[in-house]
Each structure stands twice: as structure tokens, then as C-alpha cells.
Protein backbone atom coordinates (compact mmCIF):
# COMPACT_ATOMS: atom_id res chain seq x y z
CA MET A 1 0.00 0.00 0.00
CA SER A 2 1.24 3.43 -0.74
CA ASP A 3 1.90 5.90 2.03
CA ARG A 4 -0.46 8.31 0.29
CA PHE A 5 -3.32 5.81 0.47
CA ALA A 6 -2.60 5.12 4.13
CA ARG A 7 -2.52 8.85 4.88
CA TYR A 8 -5.87 9.61 3.31
CA ALA A 9 -7.86 6.40 3.90
CA GLY A 10 -9.02 7.66 7.29
CA LEU A 11 -11.71 9.97 5.94
CA PRO A 12 -13.57 7.45 3.75
CA SER A 13 -13.19 4.85 6.50
CA ARG A 14 -14.74 7.17 9.05
CA VAL A 15 -17.54 8.25 6.71
CA LEU A 16 -18.45 4.67 5.80
CA MET A 17 -18.45 3.50 9.41
CA ALA A 18 -20.35 6.53 10.71
CA THR A 19 -23.09 6.59 8.08
CA ILE A 20 -25.09 3.73 9.60
CA PHE A 21 -25.24 5.51 12.97
CA LEU A 22 -26.10 8.89 11.52
CA LEU A 23 -28.90 7.45 9.39
CA SER A 24 -30.13 5.16 12.16
CA GLY A 25 -30.33 8.02 14.64
CA LEU A 26 -32.20 10.21 12.17
CA ALA A 27 -34.58 7.36 11.28
CA LYS A 28 -35.41 6.92 14.96
CA LEU A 29 -36.56 10.55 15.04
CA GLY A 30 -39.21 9.70 12.46
CA ALA A 31 -40.37 6.57 14.26
CA MET A 32 -39.97 7.34 17.93
CA ASP A 33 -43.06 5.51 19.17
CA GLN A 34 -42.24 2.35 17.20
CA THR A 35 -38.58 2.45 18.26
CA ARG A 36 -39.49 2.99 21.91
CA GLY A 37 -41.87 0.02 21.72
CA TYR A 38 -39.18 -2.17 20.18
CA MET A 39 -36.66 -1.14 22.81
CA GLU A 40 -39.10 -1.86 25.63
CA ALA A 41 -40.03 -5.23 24.11
CA MET A 42 -36.33 -6.11 24.26
CA GLY A 43 -36.11 -5.05 27.92
CA VAL A 44 -34.47 -1.67 27.32
CA PRO A 45 -36.13 1.33 29.00
CA GLY A 46 -37.85 3.61 26.50
CA ALA A 47 -36.33 6.58 28.35
CA LEU A 48 -33.04 5.68 26.65
CA LEU A 49 -34.42 6.48 23.20
CA VAL A 50 -33.52 10.18 23.12
CA PRO A 51 -30.02 9.65 24.55
CA THR A 52 -29.53 6.88 22.00
CA ILE A 53 -30.54 9.17 19.14
CA MET A 54 -28.24 11.89 20.45
CA PHE A 55 -25.38 9.42 20.76
CA GLU A 56 -25.85 7.91 17.31
CA VAL A 57 -26.14 11.25 15.51
CA GLY A 58 -23.49 13.00 17.61
CA ALA A 59 -20.95 10.18 17.45
CA GLY A 60 -21.59 9.79 13.73
CA LEU A 61 -20.92 13.47 13.09
CA LEU A 62 -17.84 13.52 15.33
CA LEU A 63 -16.42 10.46 13.61
CA ILE A 64 -16.98 11.93 10.15
CA ALA A 65 -15.29 15.17 11.23
CA GLY A 66 -12.46 13.26 12.87
CA LEU A 67 -12.86 15.04 16.19
CA GLY A 68 -11.98 12.95 19.24
CA THR A 69 -11.69 10.09 16.77
CA ARG A 70 -10.04 7.53 19.02
CA TYR A 71 -12.50 8.05 21.89
CA VAL A 72 -15.56 8.19 19.63
CA ALA A 73 -14.48 5.03 17.82
CA LEU A 74 -14.00 3.22 21.14
CA ALA A 75 -17.43 4.37 22.33
CA LEU A 76 -19.02 3.21 19.07
CA ALA A 77 -17.26 -0.17 19.33
CA GLY A 78 -18.69 -0.65 22.82
CA PHE A 79 -22.14 0.57 21.81
CA THR A 80 -22.15 -1.75 18.81
CA LEU A 81 -21.20 -4.78 20.90
CA VAL A 82 -23.81 -3.98 23.56
CA THR A 83 -26.56 -3.55 20.97
CA ALA A 84 -25.52 -6.86 19.37
CA MET A 85 -25.86 -8.63 22.72
CA VAL A 86 -29.19 -6.98 23.56
CA PHE A 87 -31.00 -6.97 20.23
CA HIS A 88 -29.46 -9.70 18.05
CA THR A 89 -29.03 -12.91 20.05
CA ASP A 90 -31.76 -15.04 18.49
CA PHE A 91 -29.26 -17.21 16.61
CA ALA A 92 -32.02 -19.55 15.45
CA ASN A 93 -33.03 -16.66 13.17
CA GLN A 94 -30.41 -16.38 10.42
CA ILE A 95 -31.07 -12.66 9.92
CA GLU A 96 -30.50 -11.99 13.62
CA MET A 97 -27.29 -14.01 13.57
CA LEU A 98 -26.09 -11.99 10.57
CA MET A 99 -27.01 -8.74 12.35
CA PHE A 100 -25.04 -9.92 15.39
CA LEU A 101 -22.01 -10.73 13.23
CA LYS A 102 -22.36 -7.40 11.39
CA ASN A 103 -22.20 -5.59 14.72
CA VAL A 104 -19.15 -7.61 15.79
CA ALA A 105 -17.42 -6.81 12.49
CA MET A 106 -18.28 -3.13 12.86
CA ALA A 107 -16.82 -3.14 16.37
CA GLY A 108 -13.61 -4.50 14.84
CA GLY A 109 -13.62 -1.66 12.33
CA PHE A 110 -14.11 0.88 15.09
CA LEU A 111 -11.21 -0.62 17.04
CA ALA A 112 -9.03 -0.27 13.93
CA ILE A 113 -10.08 3.38 13.60
CA ALA A 114 -9.35 3.91 17.30
CA ALA A 115 -5.87 2.45 16.82
CA GLN A 116 -5.17 4.51 13.70
CA GLY A 117 -6.74 7.79 14.79
CA GLY A 118 -8.39 10.32 12.53
CA GLY A 119 -5.71 10.41 9.89
CA GLN A 120 -4.55 13.24 7.67
CA LEU A 121 -8.02 14.62 6.88
CA SER A 122 -9.43 15.11 10.35
CA LEU A 123 -10.08 17.85 12.85
CA ASP A 124 -7.85 15.94 15.27
CA ARG A 125 -4.96 16.38 12.85
CA MET A 126 -5.78 20.04 12.23
CA PHE A 127 -5.84 20.85 15.96
CA ALA A 128 -2.64 18.85 16.57
CA ALA A 129 -0.87 20.83 13.83
CA ARG A 130 -1.94 24.11 15.46
CA ASN A 131 -0.80 23.04 18.91
CA PRO A 132 2.25 20.77 18.51
CA ALA A 133 2.86 20.58 22.28
């Protein structure tokens, strides 16, 4: 791999990984009653709906911008694993098993982003260049 690719791959990686959370959070806004009902049916308090929306949208935007990238990616990895264990454990249902595995794979991607950081095209990099101390 070229150094140039490695330098600039962070932005598309972050955008691709963040998109599902940004869109999911926004979709929940349009279906709050249904989402709350689903959460409660799975044993999750409906009061967590608004914080979940805020987390998904906020973390998605932060990840895209590359601001606090390592921390946001770690938080998203944890969130993704928790949601897999809460919502996708009916392994007799092939779709649920695939959703579980998708979440596990996404957590792996977030851990890779956390290890790599925001990369060349990130606010983290811009702020680090301004304040080299």
C-alpha cells in the first residue's frame, strides 16, 4: 500500500463507518413511538431512546469530522457490541445471527479506527498541527 493511500484512507473509512449511525439516529426521530416500543419489548427502557438518538447522531458526526476520533471510535465499538448482545441474540433466526455478526465486524472496524486515529483529513490532525505541544 502506498503511504499516500494510508494517509488519506481515514476519511472514507470514518464516513463509511459513521453513516449507519447517523442514518439510524435520524430514522429513529421519524419513528420514535415504534422504536421505543421495540426497545421496551427487548427489555431496554424507553427513556433511553432520546439519549440513543443523540449518541448515534453526535458520534456519527464527530467520527466523520475526525474530532476525538479515538474516543468516539472506542465508544461506538462498545455501543455496537452492547446492541448486538441486547437486540441480536436469536441465533435460530439467520437474519438476527447476521445482524449480530455485522455488529461484531463493525466493532472490529471501530477498534481499527481507534488504533489509527483520525488520519490526515481530520479535525484531530488540524488541531494537533496548530498546537504541537
